[in-house]
PDB file of N, CA and C in Angstrom:
ATOM      1  N   ASP A   1     142.860  94.207  99.685  1.00  0.00           N
ATOM      2  CA  ASP A   1     144.131  94.494 100.539  1.00  0.00           C
ATOM      3  C   ASP A   1     143.871  95.923 101.339  1.00  0.00           C
ATOM      4  N   ILE A   2     143.802  96.045 102.194  1.00  0.00           N
ATOM      5  CA  ILE A   2     143.134  97.128 102.896  1.00  0.00           C
ATOM      6  C   ILE A   2     144.606  97.860 103.697  1.00  0.00           C
ATOM      7  N   SER A   3     145.917  97.252 103.583  1.00  0.00           N
ATOM      8  CA  SER A   3     146.713  98.073 104.303  1.00  0.00           C
ATOM      9  C   SER A   3     147.301  98.976 103.863  1.00  0.00           C
ATOM     10  N   GLY A   4     147.161  99.769 102.558  1.00  0.00           N
ATOM     11  CA  GLY A   4     147.248 101.232 101.974  1.00  0.00           C
ATOM     12  C   GLY A   4     146.577 101.964 102.621  1.00  0.00           C
ATOM     13  N   LEU A   5     145.269 101.845 103.458  1.00  0.00           N
ATOM     14  CA  LEU A   5     144.157 102.706 103.816  1.00  0.00           C
ATOM     15  C   LEU A   5     144.518 103.108 105.114  1.00  0.00           C
ATOM     16  N   HIS A   6     144.239 104.345 105.299  1.00  0.00           N
ATOM     17  CA  HIS A   6     144.207 105.054 106.729  1.00  0.00           C
ATOM     18  C   HIS A   6     143.153 103.854 107.448  1.00  0.00           C
ATOM     19  N   PRO A   7     143.461 103.754 108.955  1.00  0.00           N
ATOM     20  CA  PRO A   7     142.684 102.820 109.714  1.00  0.00           C
ATOM     21  C   PRO A   7     141.306 103.367 109.640  1.00  0.00           C
ATOM     22  N   SER A   8     141.195 104.550 109.666  1.00  0.00           N
ATOM     23  CA  SER A   8     139.523 105.271 109.788  1.00  0.00           C
ATOM     24  C   SER A   8     138.829 104.770 108.757  1.00  0.00           C
ATOM     25  N   LYS A   9     139.498 104.342 107.675  1.00  0.00           N
ATOM     26  CA  LYS A   9     138.953 104.439 106.312  1.00  0.00           C
ATOM     27  C   LYS A   9     138.837 102.964 106.140  1.00  0.00           C
ATOM     28  N   ARG A  10     139.168 101.861 106.796  1.00  0.00           N
ATOM     29  CA  ARG A  10     139.149 100.399 106.787  1.00  0.00           C
ATOM     30  C   ARG A  10     137.626  99.922 106.758  1.00  0.00           C
ATOM     31  N   ASP A  11     137.063 100.582 107.798  1.00  0.00           N
ATOM     32  CA  ASP A  11     135.337  99.736 107.842  1.00  0.00           C
ATOM     33  C   ASP A  11     135.637  98.174 108.357  1.00  0.00           C
ATOM     34  N   ILE A  12     136.495  98.446 109.403  1.00  0.00           N
ATOM     35  CA  ILE A  12     136.536  96.668 109.785  1.00  0.00           C
ATOM     36  C   ILE A  12     136.211  96.887 111.266  1.00  0.00           C
ATOM     37  N   ALA A  13     135.885  95.913 112.285  1.00  0.00           N
ATOM     38  CA  ALA A  13     135.736  95.806 113.745  1.00  0.00           C
ATOM     39  C   ALA A  13     136.386  95.060 114.129  1.00  0.00           C
ATOM     40  N   MET A  14     136.605  94.613 115.291  1.00  0.00           N
ATOM     41  CA  MET A  14     136.907  93.442 116.228  1.00  0.00           C
ATOM     42  C   MET A  14     136.249  92.740 117.226  1.00  0.00           C
ATOM     43  N   VAL A  15     136.318  91.659 117.385  1.00  0.00           N
ATOM     44  CA  VAL A  15     135.441  91.304 118.743  1.00  0.00           C
ATOM     45  C   VAL A  15     136.622  90.862 119.747  1.00  0.00           C
ATOM     46  N   PHE A  16     136.219  91.298 120.826  1.00  0.00           N
ATOM     47  CA  PHE A  16     137.224  91.278 121.938  1.00  0.00           C
ATOM     48  C   PHE A  16     136.831  89.667 122.542  1.00  0.00           C
ATOM     49  N   GLN A  17     137.992  88.902 122.969  1.00  0.00           N
ATOM     50  CA  GLN A  17     138.012  87.643 123.455  1.00  0.00           C
ATOM     51  C   GLN A  17     137.224  87.530 125.163  1.00  0.00           C
ATOM     52  N   SER A  18     137.446  88.482 125.482  1.00  0.00           N
ATOM     53  CA  SER A  18     136.856  88.989 126.807  1.00  0.00           C
ATOM     54  C   SER A  18     135.705  89.249 127.069  1.00  0.00           C
ATOM     55  N   TYR A  19     134.781  89.350 125.756  1.00  0.00           N
ATOM     56  CA  TYR A  19     133.417  89.855 126.031  1.00  0.00           C
ATOM     57  C   TYR A  19     133.101  91.265 126.529  1.00  0.00           C
ATOM     58  N   ALA A  20     134.071  92.062 125.923  1.00  0.00           N
ATOM     59  CA  ALA A  20     134.066  93.469 126.707  1.00  0.00           C
ATOM     60  C   ALA A  20     132.824  94.114 126.525  1.00  0.00           C
ATOM     61  N   LEU A  21     131.677  94.028 127.422  1.00  0.00           N
ATOM     62  CA  LEU A  21     130.452  94.874 127.254  1.00  0.00           C
ATOM     63  C   LEU A  21     130.616  95.853 128.261  1.00  0.00           C
ATOM     64  N   TYR A  22     129.999  97.157 127.699  1.00  0.00           N
ATOM     65  CA  TYR A  22     129.703  98.380 128.737  1.00  0.00           C
ATOM     66  C   TYR A  22     128.660  97.811 129.551  1.00  0.00           C
ATOM     67  N   PRO A  23     129.367  97.932 130.821  1.00  0.00           N
ATOM     68  CA  PRO A  23     128.083  97.415 132.012  1.00  0.00           C
ATOM     69  C   PRO A  23     127.201  98.433 132.241  1.00  0.00           C
ATOM     70  N   ASN A  24     127.374  99.449 132.139  1.00  0.00           N
ATOM     71  CA  ASN A  24     126.423 100.341 132.390  1.00  0.00           C
ATOM     72  C   ASN A  24     125.200 100.420 131.338  1.00  0.00           C
ATOM     73  N   MET A  25     125.831  99.544 130.070  1.00  0.00           N
ATOM     74  CA  MET A  25     124.305 100.011 128.867  1.00  0.00           C
ATOM     75  C   MET A  25     123.529  98.465 128.852  1.00  0.00           C
ATOM     76  N   THR A  26     122.391  98.591 128.427  1.00  0.00           N
ATOM     77  CA  THR A  26     121.847  97.251 128.093  1.00  0.00           C
ATOM     78  C   THR A  26     122.355  96.542 127.018  1.00  0.00           C
ATOM     79  N   VAL A  27     121.869  95.606 126.781  1.00  0.00           N
ATOM     80  CA  VAL A  27     122.462  94.392 125.672  1.00  0.00           C
ATOM     81  C   VAL A  27     122.088  95.402 124.487  1.00  0.00           C
ATOM     82  N   SER A  28     120.946  95.861 124.276  1.00  0.00           N
ATOM     83  CA  SER A  28     120.686  96.756 122.720  1.00  0.00           C
ATOM     84  C   SER A  28     121.513  97.923 122.970  1.00  0.00           C
ATOM     85  N   GLY A  29     121.838  98.612 124.051  1.00  0.00           N
ATOM     86  CA  GLY A  29     122.819  99.409 123.923  1.00  0.00           C
ATOM     87  C   GLY A  29     124.426  99.036 123.545  1.00  0.00           C
ATOM     88  N   ASN A  30     124.585  97.915 123.996  1.00  0.00           N
ATOM     89  CA  ASN A  30     126.065  97.415 123.316  1.00  0.00           C
ATOM     90  C   ASN A  30     126.046  97.332 121.967  1.00  0.00           C
ATOM     91  N   ILE A  31     125.093  96.755 121.659  1.00  0.00           N
ATOM     92  CA  ILE A  31     124.797  96.347 120.253  1.00  0.00           C
ATOM     93  C   ILE A  31     125.067  97.469 119.447  1.00  0.00           C
ATOM     94  N   ALA A  32     124.135  98.516 119.724  1.00  0.00           N
ATOM     95  CA  ALA A  32     123.992 100.123 119.093  1.00  0.00           C
ATOM     96  C   ALA A  32     125.250 100.584 118.897  1.00  0.00           C
ATOM     97  N   PHE A  33     126.078 100.597 120.154  1.00  0.00           N
ATOM     98  CA  PHE A  33     126.841 101.713 120.383  1.00  0.00           C
ATOM     99  C   PHE A  33     127.651 101.906 118.941  1.00  0.00           C
ATOM    100  N   GLY A  34     128.229 100.921 118.547  1.00  0.00           N
ATOM    101  CA  GLY A  34     128.964 101.105 117.449  1.00  0.00           C
ATOM    102  C   GLY A  34     128.237 101.996 116.623  1.00  0.00           C
ATOM    103  N   MET A  35     127.384 101.608 115.944  1.00  0.00           N
ATOM    104  CA  MET A  35     126.364 102.255 115.018  1.00  0.00           C
ATOM    105  C   MET A  35     126.024 103.632 115.290  1.00  0.00           C
ATOM    106  N   GLU A  36     125.922 103.990 116.834  1.00  0.00           N
ATOM    107  CA  GLU A  36     125.951 105.440 117.466  1.00  0.00           C
ATOM    108  C   GLU A  36     126.812 106.194 117.087  1.00  0.00           C
ATOM    109  N   ILE A  37     128.098 105.542 117.252  1.00  0.00           N
ATOM    110  CA  ILE A  37     129.360 106.268 117.356  1.00  0.00           C
ATOM    111  C   ILE A  37     129.264 106.973 115.527  1.00  0.00           C
ATOM    112  N   ARG A  38     129.058 105.845 114.485  1.00  0.00           N
ATOM    113  CA  ARG A  38     129.228 106.222 113.393  1.00  0.00           C
ATOM    114  C   ARG A  38     128.326 106.936 112.667  1.00  0.00           C
ATOM    115  N   GLY A  39     127.136 107.560 113.654  1.00  0.00           N
ATOM    116  CA  GLY A  39     126.336 108.190 113.304  1.00  0.00           C
ATOM    117  C   GLY A  39     125.198 107.761 112.309  1.00  0.00           C
ATOM    118  N   VAL A  40     124.955 106.402 112.946  1.00  0.00           N
ATOM    119  CA  VAL A  40     123.873 105.883 111.656  1.00  0.00           C
ATOM    120  C   VAL A  40     122.343 105.851 112.416  1.00  0.00           C
ATOM    121  N   PRO A  41     121.641 106.387 111.530  1.00  0.00           N
ATOM    122  CA  PRO A  41     120.096 106.593 112.018  1.00  0.00           C
ATOM    123  C   PRO A  41     119.597 105.710 113.176  1.00  0.00           C
ATOM    124  N   LYS A  42     119.033 106.507 113.916  1.00  0.00           N
ATOM    125  CA  LYS A  42     118.147 105.684 114.732  1.00  0.00           C
ATOM    126  C   LYS A  42     117.212 104.546 114.591  1.00  0.00           C
ATOM    127  N   GLU A  43     116.604 104.770 113.599  1.00  0.00           N
ATOM    128  CA  GLU A  43     115.612 103.619 113.189  1.00  0.00           C
ATOM    129  C   GLU A  43     116.531 102.644 112.487  1.00  0.00           C
ATOM    130  N   GLU A  44     117.371 102.926 111.498  1.00  0.00           N
ATOM    131  CA  GLU A  44     118.314 102.011 110.932  1.00  0.00           C
ATOM    132  C   GLU A  44     119.065 101.012 112.123  1.00  0.00           C
ATOM    133  N   ARG A  45     119.186 101.783 113.308  1.00  0.00           N
ATOM    134  CA  ARG A  45     119.706 101.338 114.356  1.00  0.00           C
ATOM    135  C   ARG A  45     119.062  99.999 115.001  1.00  0.00           C
ATOM    136  N   ALA A  46     117.809 100.774 115.418  1.00  0.00           N
ATOM    137  CA  ALA A  46     116.519  99.454 115.554  1.00  0.00           C
ATOM    138  C   ALA A  46     116.236  98.592 114.996  1.00  0.00           C
ATOM    139  N   LYS A  47     116.612  98.768 113.508  1.00  0.00           N
ATOM    140  CA  LYS A  47     116.048  97.485 112.671  1.00  0.00           C
ATOM    141  C   LYS A  47     117.245  96.603 112.677  1.00  0.00           C
ATOM    142  N   ALA A  48     118.493  96.814 112.981  1.00  0.00           N
ATOM    143  CA  ALA A  48     119.720  96.064 112.838  1.00  0.00           C
ATOM    144  C   ALA A  48     119.950  95.290 114.141  1.00  0.00           C
ATOM    145  N   ILE A  49     119.531  96.289 115.169  1.00  0.00           N
ATOM    146  CA  ILE A  49     119.005  95.189 116.781  1.00  0.00           C
ATOM    147  C   ILE A  49     117.845  94.363 116.619  1.00  0.00           C
ATOM    148  N   ALA A  50     116.853  94.886 115.888  1.00  0.00           N
ATOM    149  CA  ALA A  50     116.167  93.389 115.563  1.00  0.00           C
ATOM    150  C   ALA A  50     116.971  92.134 115.063  1.00  0.00           C
ATOM    151  N   GLN A  51     117.208  92.755 113.807  1.00  0.00           N
ATOM    152  CA  GLN A  51     117.579  91.518 112.735  1.00  0.00           C
ATOM    153  C   GLN A  51     118.674  90.723 113.770  1.00  0.00           C
ATOM    154  N   VAL A  52     119.701  91.441 114.474  1.00  0.00           N
ATOM    155  CA  VAL A  52     120.872  90.444 115.102  1.00  0.00           C
ATOM    156  C   VAL A  52     120.114  89.577 115.926  1.00  0.00           C
ATOM    157  N   SER A  53     119.353  90.537 117.113  1.00  0.00           N
ATOM    158  CA  SER A  53     118.763  89.780 118.028  1.00  0.00           C
ATOM    159  C   SER A  53     118.090  88.647 117.949  1.00  0.00           C
ATOM    160  N   ASP A  54     117.173  88.748 116.758  1.00  0.00           N
ATOM    161  CA  ASP A  54     116.728  87.785 116.317  1.00  0.00           C
ATOM    162  C   ASP A  54     117.319  86.512 115.546  1.00  0.00           C
ATOM    163  N   MET A  55     118.400  86.811 114.996  1.00  0.00           N
ATOM    164  CA  MET A  55     119.196  85.866 114.789  1.00  0.00           C
ATOM    165  C   MET A  55     120.319  85.176 115.530  1.00  0.00           C
ATOM    166  N   LEU A  56     120.834  85.866 116.579  1.00  0.00           N
ATOM    167  CA  LEU A  56     121.264  85.264 117.811  1.00  0.00           C
ATOM    168  C   LEU A  56     120.110  84.641 119.148  1.00  0.00           C
ATOM    169  N   GLN A  57     119.098  84.752 118.672  1.00  0.00           N
ATOM    170  CA  GLN A  57     118.002  84.469 119.311  1.00  0.00           C
ATOM    171  C   GLN A  57     118.483  84.925 121.200  1.00  0.00           C
ATOM    172  N   ILE A  58     118.668  86.481 121.085  1.00  0.00           N
ATOM    173  CA  ILE A  58     118.817  86.773 121.956  1.00  0.00           C
ATOM    174  C   ILE A  58     117.828  88.299 122.412  1.00  0.00           C
ATOM    175  N   GLY A  59     116.739  88.462 121.809  1.00  0.00           N
ATOM    176  CA  GLY A  59     115.747  89.417 121.613  1.00  0.00           C
ATOM    177  C   GLY A  59     115.191  89.625 122.860  1.00  0.00           C
ATOM    178  N   HIS A  60     114.905  88.304 123.962  1.00  0.00           N
ATOM    179  CA  HIS A  60     114.520  88.643 125.343  1.00  0.00           C
ATOM    180  C   HIS A  60     115.157  89.191 126.176  1.00  0.00           C
ATOM    181  N   LEU A  61     116.639  89.450 125.767  1.00  0.00           N
ATOM    182  CA  LEU A  61     117.854  90.020 126.366  1.00  0.00           C
ATOM    183  C   LEU A  61     118.253  91.336 126.193  1.00  0.00           C
ATOM    184  N   LEU A  62     117.365  91.925 125.704  1.00  0.00           N
ATOM    185  CA  LEU A  62     117.840  93.166 125.231  1.00  0.00           C
ATOM    186  C   LEU A  62     117.951  94.390 126.086  1.00  0.00           C
ATOM    187  N   ASP A  63     116.967  94.569 127.244  1.00  0.00           N
ATOM    188  CA  ASP A  63     116.690  95.173 128.194  1.00  0.00           C
ATOM    189  C   ASP A  63     117.671  94.797 129.319  1.00  0.00           C
ATOM    190  N   ARG A  64     118.427  93.711 129.199  1.00  0.00           N
ATOM    191  CA  ARG A  64     119.131  93.489 130.371  1.00  0.00           C
ATOM    192  C   ARG A  64     120.403  94.081 130.561  1.00  0.00           C
ATOM    193  N   LYS A  65     120.975  94.047 131.450  1.00  0.00           N
ATOM    194  CA  LYS A  65     122.490  94.479 131.644  1.00  0.00           C
ATOM    195  C   LYS A  65     123.552  93.286 131.396  1.00  0.00           C
ATOM    196  N   PRO A  66     124.982  93.393 131.064  1.00  0.00           N
ATOM    197  CA  PRO A  66     125.390  92.382 131.354  1.00  0.00           C
ATOM    198  C   PRO A  66     125.829  91.727 132.126  1.00  0.00           C
ATOM    199  N   SER A  67     125.484  92.311 133.415  1.00  0.00           N
ATOM    200  CA  SER A  67     125.984  91.400 134.529  1.00  0.00           C
ATOM    201  C   SER A  67     124.789  90.379 135.119  1.00  0.00           C
ATOM    202  N   GLN A  68     123.432  90.507 134.415  1.00  0.00           N
ATOM    203  CA  GLN A  68     122.447  89.990 134.405  1.00  0.00           C
ATOM    204  C   GLN A  68     122.085  88.544 133.491  1.00  0.00           C
ATOM    205  N   LEU A  69     123.639  88.238 132.567  1.00  0.00           N
ATOM    206  CA  LEU A  69     123.681  87.312 131.376  1.00  0.00           C
ATOM    207  C   LEU A  69     124.588  86.390 132.250  1.00  0.00           C
ATOM    208  N   SER A  70     124.084  85.373 131.106  1.00  0.00           N
ATOM    209  CA  SER A  70     125.177  84.027 131.688  1.00  0.00           C
ATOM    210  C   SER A  70     126.706  84.502 130.751  1.00  0.00           C
ATOM    211  N   GLY A  71     127.460  83.569 130.857  1.00  0.00           N
ATOM    212  CA  GLY A  71     128.781  83.853 129.908  1.00  0.00           C
ATOM    213  C   GLY A  71     128.338  83.277 128.405  1.00  0.00           C
ATOM    214  N   GLY A  72     127.269  82.467 127.919  1.00  0.00           N
ATOM    215  CA  GLY A  72     127.018  82.210 126.551  1.00  0.00           C
ATOM    216  C   GLY A  72     126.203  83.206 126.260  1.00  0.00           C
ATOM    217  N   GLN A  73     125.265  84.150 126.900  1.00  0.00           N
ATOM    218  CA  GLN A  73     124.557  85.079 126.620  1.00  0.00           C
ATOM    219  C   GLN A  73     125.621  86.493 126.288  1.00  0.00           C
ATOM    220  N   ARG A  74     126.384  86.597 127.028  1.00  0.00           N
ATOM    221  CA  ARG A  74     127.408  87.539 126.621  1.00  0.00           C
ATOM    222  C   ARG A  74     128.388  87.189 125.693  1.00  0.00           C
ATOM    223  N   GLN A  75     128.454  86.314 125.425  1.00  0.00           N
ATOM    224  CA  GLN A  75     129.331  85.927 124.145  1.00  0.00           C
ATOM    225  C   GLN A  75     128.350  86.215 122.974  1.00  0.00           C
ATOM    226  N   ARG A  76     127.328  85.565 122.947  1.00  0.00           N
ATOM    227  CA  ARG A  76     126.674  86.359 121.412  1.00  0.00           C
ATOM    228  C   ARG A  76     126.166  87.536 121.538  1.00  0.00           C
ATOM    229  N   VAL A  77     126.061  88.339 122.741  1.00  0.00           N
ATOM    230  CA  VAL A  77     126.240  90.068 122.465  1.00  0.00           C
ATOM    231  C   VAL A  77     127.215  90.658 121.778  1.00  0.00           C
TER     232      VAL A  77
END
């Protein structure tokens, strides 16, 4: 039960229904954004991006912008 914790201490995330990706960032940048804000070291972010992109089979899309992706690809990002 996390209801007694301050929102900043809950360590949770949410997923937007409309795939709210930052259009000016690459797929890699969109995946890394939350970690960057939290101060995760660059090497750790790169490892997480590689792991997630491999799991979701989107490694070949990491340098693309959201406008260059299909709906299904956006959803996986």
